[in-house]
Amino acid sequence: MSDAGAGVGSGGRHDAVGATPPADHGVEPEDDHRVKPENVRAEALKERVYATFTGLAIVLVQLTNADHLAAGQAVIELAIGILAITAAGLAADVIAFLSAHARFPDGHEVRIMLRIAASALASAGVPVILLALAAFGVLEVETALRIVSVVYLVTLGVIAYLGVRRTRAPWWKQFLALAALMAVGLSVIIIQLVAHGH
């Protein structure tokens, strides 16, 4: 799913899963399994963004065929899409870890990988609930899909805004950065729409 796993050892997930602060008392850096919480949070947020983009693309494609789409089918397609991208990210983590460390991750490292993967799954929480309501007849399928697309867009916008705000850069630099992120996000959505639409 992501290049997060491939980023092991170079600012990617390895910083979260296999972070190696300076060794104490003669312990080799690679044997130090302490993890920087900010790196775990960053990787979890990255996974959530990947999954949100994927979920949005799936929902937008479903909207183009809403008249012939059953609510149950919409739920299943979205759930499978998010599960697939989450599993791909987790597999990439493990493969990258094996390559970087020449060993299997221990229990603590596996728990961190699962925590990061869970963040991607969480991105589908509200959308799945809304589509499930449509499946029970509480909402029209098209209405549910439109609401879900808005939820995804707002999620991406809030994440980008909060990220830019934390830079403490001048307002005009924050504005330019946010605009650039929105442009990149739009291009990603278009690409995924084309991919999922065929």
Protein backbone atom coordinates (compact mmCIF):
# COMPACT_ATOMS: atom_id res chain seq x y z
CA MET A 1 0.00 0.00 0.00
CA SER A 2 2.56 2.47 1.02
CA ASP A 3 6.18 3.20 0.83
CA ALA A 4 6.10 3.46 4.59
CA GLY A 5 7.40 -0.06 4.91
CA ALA A 6 9.97 0.57 2.23
CA GLY A 7 11.11 3.57 4.21
CA VAL A 8 12.58 1.37 6.87
CA GLY A 9 15.81 2.87 8.00
CA SER A 10 15.30 6.07 6.02
CA GLY A 11 12.67 8.05 7.86
CA GLY A 12 9.92 5.51 7.20
CA ARG A 13 8.37 2.99 9.50
CA HIS A 14 11.70 1.77 10.70
CA ASP A 15 11.94 5.01 12.65
CA ALA A 16 8.74 4.01 14.38
CA VAL A 17 9.15 0.25 14.66
CA GLY A 18 12.90 -0.11 14.93
CA ALA A 19 13.90 3.31 16.27
CA THR A 20 17.41 3.22 17.67
CA PRO A 21 18.15 6.01 20.13
CA PRO A 22 21.75 6.33 21.37
CA ALA A 23 22.78 3.20 23.19
CA ASP A 24 23.33 3.20 26.93
CA HIS A 25 25.64 1.01 28.99
CA GLY A 26 27.26 -0.59 25.96
CA VAL A 27 24.04 -1.75 24.31
CA GLU A 28 24.31 -1.79 20.53
CA PRO A 29 21.88 0.63 18.82
CA GLU A 30 20.14 -2.11 16.88
CA ASP A 31 19.47 -3.99 20.12
CA ASP A 32 17.70 -1.01 21.68
CA HIS A 33 13.99 -1.47 21.07
CA ARG A 34 12.85 1.82 22.56
CA VAL A 35 10.44 3.59 20.27
CA LYS A 36 9.90 7.30 19.78
CA PRO A 37 6.17 7.94 20.27
CA GLU A 38 6.16 10.79 17.76
CA ASN A 39 7.45 8.42 15.05
CA VAL A 40 4.71 5.91 15.77
CA ARG A 41 2.10 8.67 15.64
CA ALA A 42 3.51 9.95 12.35
CA GLU A 43 3.43 6.50 10.76
CA ALA A 44 -0.07 5.80 12.05
CA LEU A 45 -1.25 9.11 10.63
CA LYS A 46 0.41 8.32 7.31
CA GLU A 47 -1.44 4.99 7.13
CA ARG A 48 -4.70 6.76 7.91
CA VAL A 49 -4.08 9.19 5.05
CA TYR A 50 -3.32 6.33 2.62
CA ALA A 51 -6.48 4.50 3.65
CA THR A 52 -8.56 7.68 3.49
CA PHE A 53 -7.43 8.38 -0.07
CA THR A 54 -8.26 4.81 -1.03
CA GLY A 55 -11.65 4.89 0.67
CA LEU A 56 -12.51 8.21 -0.97
CA ALA A 57 -11.61 6.88 -4.42
CA ILE A 58 -13.76 3.78 -3.89
CA VAL A 59 -16.72 5.84 -2.70
CA LEU A 60 -16.46 8.33 -5.56
CA VAL A 61 -16.46 5.48 -8.07
CA GLN A 62 -19.48 3.96 -6.31
CA LEU A 63 -21.27 7.30 -6.58
CA THR A 64 -21.00 7.17 -10.36
CA ASN A 65 -22.97 3.91 -10.26
CA ALA A 66 -25.16 4.60 -7.23
CA ASP A 67 -28.40 3.86 -9.11
CA HIS A 68 -27.35 0.25 -9.66
CA LEU A 69 -25.47 -0.29 -6.41
CA ALA A 70 -26.91 -2.08 -3.40
CA ALA A 71 -25.97 -0.67 0.00
CA GLY A 72 -24.66 -4.03 1.14
CA GLN A 73 -22.38 -4.23 -1.88
CA ALA A 74 -21.10 -0.72 -1.17
CA VAL A 75 -20.21 -1.68 2.40
CA ILE A 76 -18.42 -4.84 1.29
CA GLU A 77 -16.44 -3.10 -1.45
CA LEU A 78 -15.31 -0.34 0.89
CA ALA A 79 -14.42 -2.74 3.70
CA ILE A 80 -12.45 -5.02 1.36
CA GLY A 81 -10.62 -2.05 -0.13
CA ILE A 82 -9.53 -0.73 3.26
CA LEU A 83 -8.64 -4.22 4.52
CA ALA A 84 -6.55 -4.85 1.41
CA ILE A 85 -4.56 -1.63 1.68
CA THR A 86 -4.06 -2.18 5.41
CA ALA A 87 -2.82 -5.74 4.87
CA ALA A 88 -0.50 -4.56 2.11
CA GLY A 89 0.99 -1.94 4.40
CA LEU A 90 1.47 -4.46 7.20
CA ALA A 91 3.12 -6.93 4.83
CA ALA A 92 5.40 -4.16 3.53
CA ASP A 93 6.38 -3.37 7.13
CA VAL A 94 7.36 -6.95 7.87
CA ILE A 95 9.28 -7.42 4.62
CA ALA A 96 11.14 -4.13 5.04
CA PHE A 97 11.93 -4.99 8.66
CA LEU A 98 13.35 -8.38 7.68
CA SER A 99 15.47 -6.74 5.01
CA ALA A 100 16.78 -4.01 7.29
CA HIS A 101 17.39 -6.09 10.43
CA ALA A 102 17.96 -9.62 9.10
CA ARG A 103 15.63 -10.91 11.82
CA PHE A 104 11.95 -11.17 12.58
CA PRO A 105 10.32 -8.39 14.60
CA ASP A 106 9.83 -9.20 18.27
CA GLY A 107 6.53 -8.98 20.10
CA HIS A 108 6.91 -5.31 20.94
CA GLU A 109 7.71 -4.39 17.34
CA VAL A 110 4.82 -6.47 16.02
CA ARG A 111 2.44 -4.67 18.38
CA ILE A 112 3.63 -1.32 17.03
CA MET A 113 3.11 -2.53 13.44
CA LEU A 114 -0.40 -3.66 14.33
CA ARG A 115 -1.12 -0.35 16.05
CA ILE A 116 -0.06 1.50 12.90
CA ALA A 117 -2.19 -0.80 10.74
CA ALA A 118 -5.17 -0.29 13.05
CA SER A 119 -5.06 3.42 12.27
CA ALA A 120 -5.74 2.64 8.62
CA LEU A 121 -8.68 0.42 9.56
CA ALA A 122 -10.06 3.16 11.81
CA SER A 123 -10.40 5.43 8.78
CA ALA A 124 -13.28 3.26 7.58
CA GLY A 125 -15.20 3.40 10.85
CA VAL A 126 -17.66 6.23 10.17
CA PRO A 127 -18.01 5.46 6.42
CA VAL A 128 -18.87 1.81 7.08
CA ILE A 129 -21.42 2.81 9.73
CA LEU A 130 -23.08 5.26 7.32
CA LEU A 131 -23.24 2.69 4.54
CA ALA A 132 -24.55 0.10 6.99
CA LEU A 133 -27.37 2.53 7.85
CA ALA A 134 -28.15 2.64 4.14
CA ALA A 135 -28.20 -1.15 4.06
CA PHE A 136 -30.85 -1.08 6.81
CA GLY A 137 -32.89 1.47 4.92
CA VAL A 138 -32.17 4.43 7.20
CA LEU A 139 -30.45 6.34 4.36
CA GLU A 140 -30.58 6.21 0.62
CA VAL A 141 -27.43 4.63 -0.86
CA GLU A 142 -26.54 7.73 -2.86
CA THR A 143 -27.09 9.99 0.15
CA ALA A 144 -24.88 7.79 2.31
CA LEU A 145 -22.14 7.75 -0.33
CA ARG A 146 -22.24 11.55 -0.62
CA ILE A 147 -21.98 11.95 3.15
CA VAL A 148 -19.11 9.46 3.27
CA SER A 149 -17.24 11.32 0.54
CA VAL A 150 -17.61 14.55 2.52
CA VAL A 151 -16.36 12.79 5.67
CA TYR A 152 -13.28 11.58 3.80
CA LEU A 153 -12.61 15.00 2.28
CA VAL A 154 -12.98 16.76 5.64
CA THR A 155 -10.68 14.19 7.24
CA LEU A 156 -7.97 14.83 4.67
CA GLY A 157 -8.42 18.58 4.97
CA VAL A 158 -8.18 18.56 8.75
CA ILE A 159 -5.09 16.34 8.72
CA ALA A 160 -3.37 18.59 6.18
CA TYR A 161 -4.36 21.77 8.05
CA LEU A 162 -3.17 20.52 11.42
CA GLY A 163 0.08 19.31 9.91
CA VAL A 164 0.77 22.69 8.30
CA ARG A 165 -0.20 24.56 11.47
CA ARG A 166 2.36 22.64 13.50
CA THR A 167 5.18 24.00 11.35
CA ARG A 168 4.88 27.45 12.98
CA ALA A 169 5.82 28.97 9.63
CA PRO A 170 4.47 32.42 8.61
CA TRP A 171 0.80 32.34 7.61
CA TRP A 172 1.55 32.83 3.92
CA LYS A 173 3.95 29.88 3.88
CA GLN A 174 1.35 27.77 5.65
CA PHE A 175 -1.21 28.83 3.05
CA LEU A 176 1.10 27.91 0.17
CA ALA A 177 1.97 24.58 1.79
CA LEU A 178 -1.72 23.79 2.35
CA ALA A 179 -2.54 24.73 -1.25
CA ALA A 180 0.26 22.49 -2.52
CA LEU A 181 -0.95 19.61 -0.36
CA MET A 182 -4.51 20.08 -1.63
CA ALA A 183 -3.25 20.05 -5.24
CA VAL A 184 -1.30 16.87 -4.62
CA GLY A 185 -4.30 15.33 -2.87
CA LEU A 186 -6.56 16.21 -5.78
CA SER A 187 -4.16 14.61 -8.26
CA VAL A 188 -4.04 11.46 -6.11
CA ILE A 189 -7.83 11.31 -6.03
CA ILE A 190 -8.03 11.69 -9.82
CA ILE A 191 -5.43 8.95 -10.35
CA GLN A 192 -7.21 6.59 -7.96
CA LEU A 193 -10.55 7.36 -9.58
CA VAL A 194 -9.13 6.36 -12.93
CA ALA A 195 -7.58 3.21 -11.43
CA HIS A 196 -10.67 2.10 -9.53
CA GLY A 197 -12.99 3.09 -12.32
CA HIS A 198 -11.60 0.49 -14.72
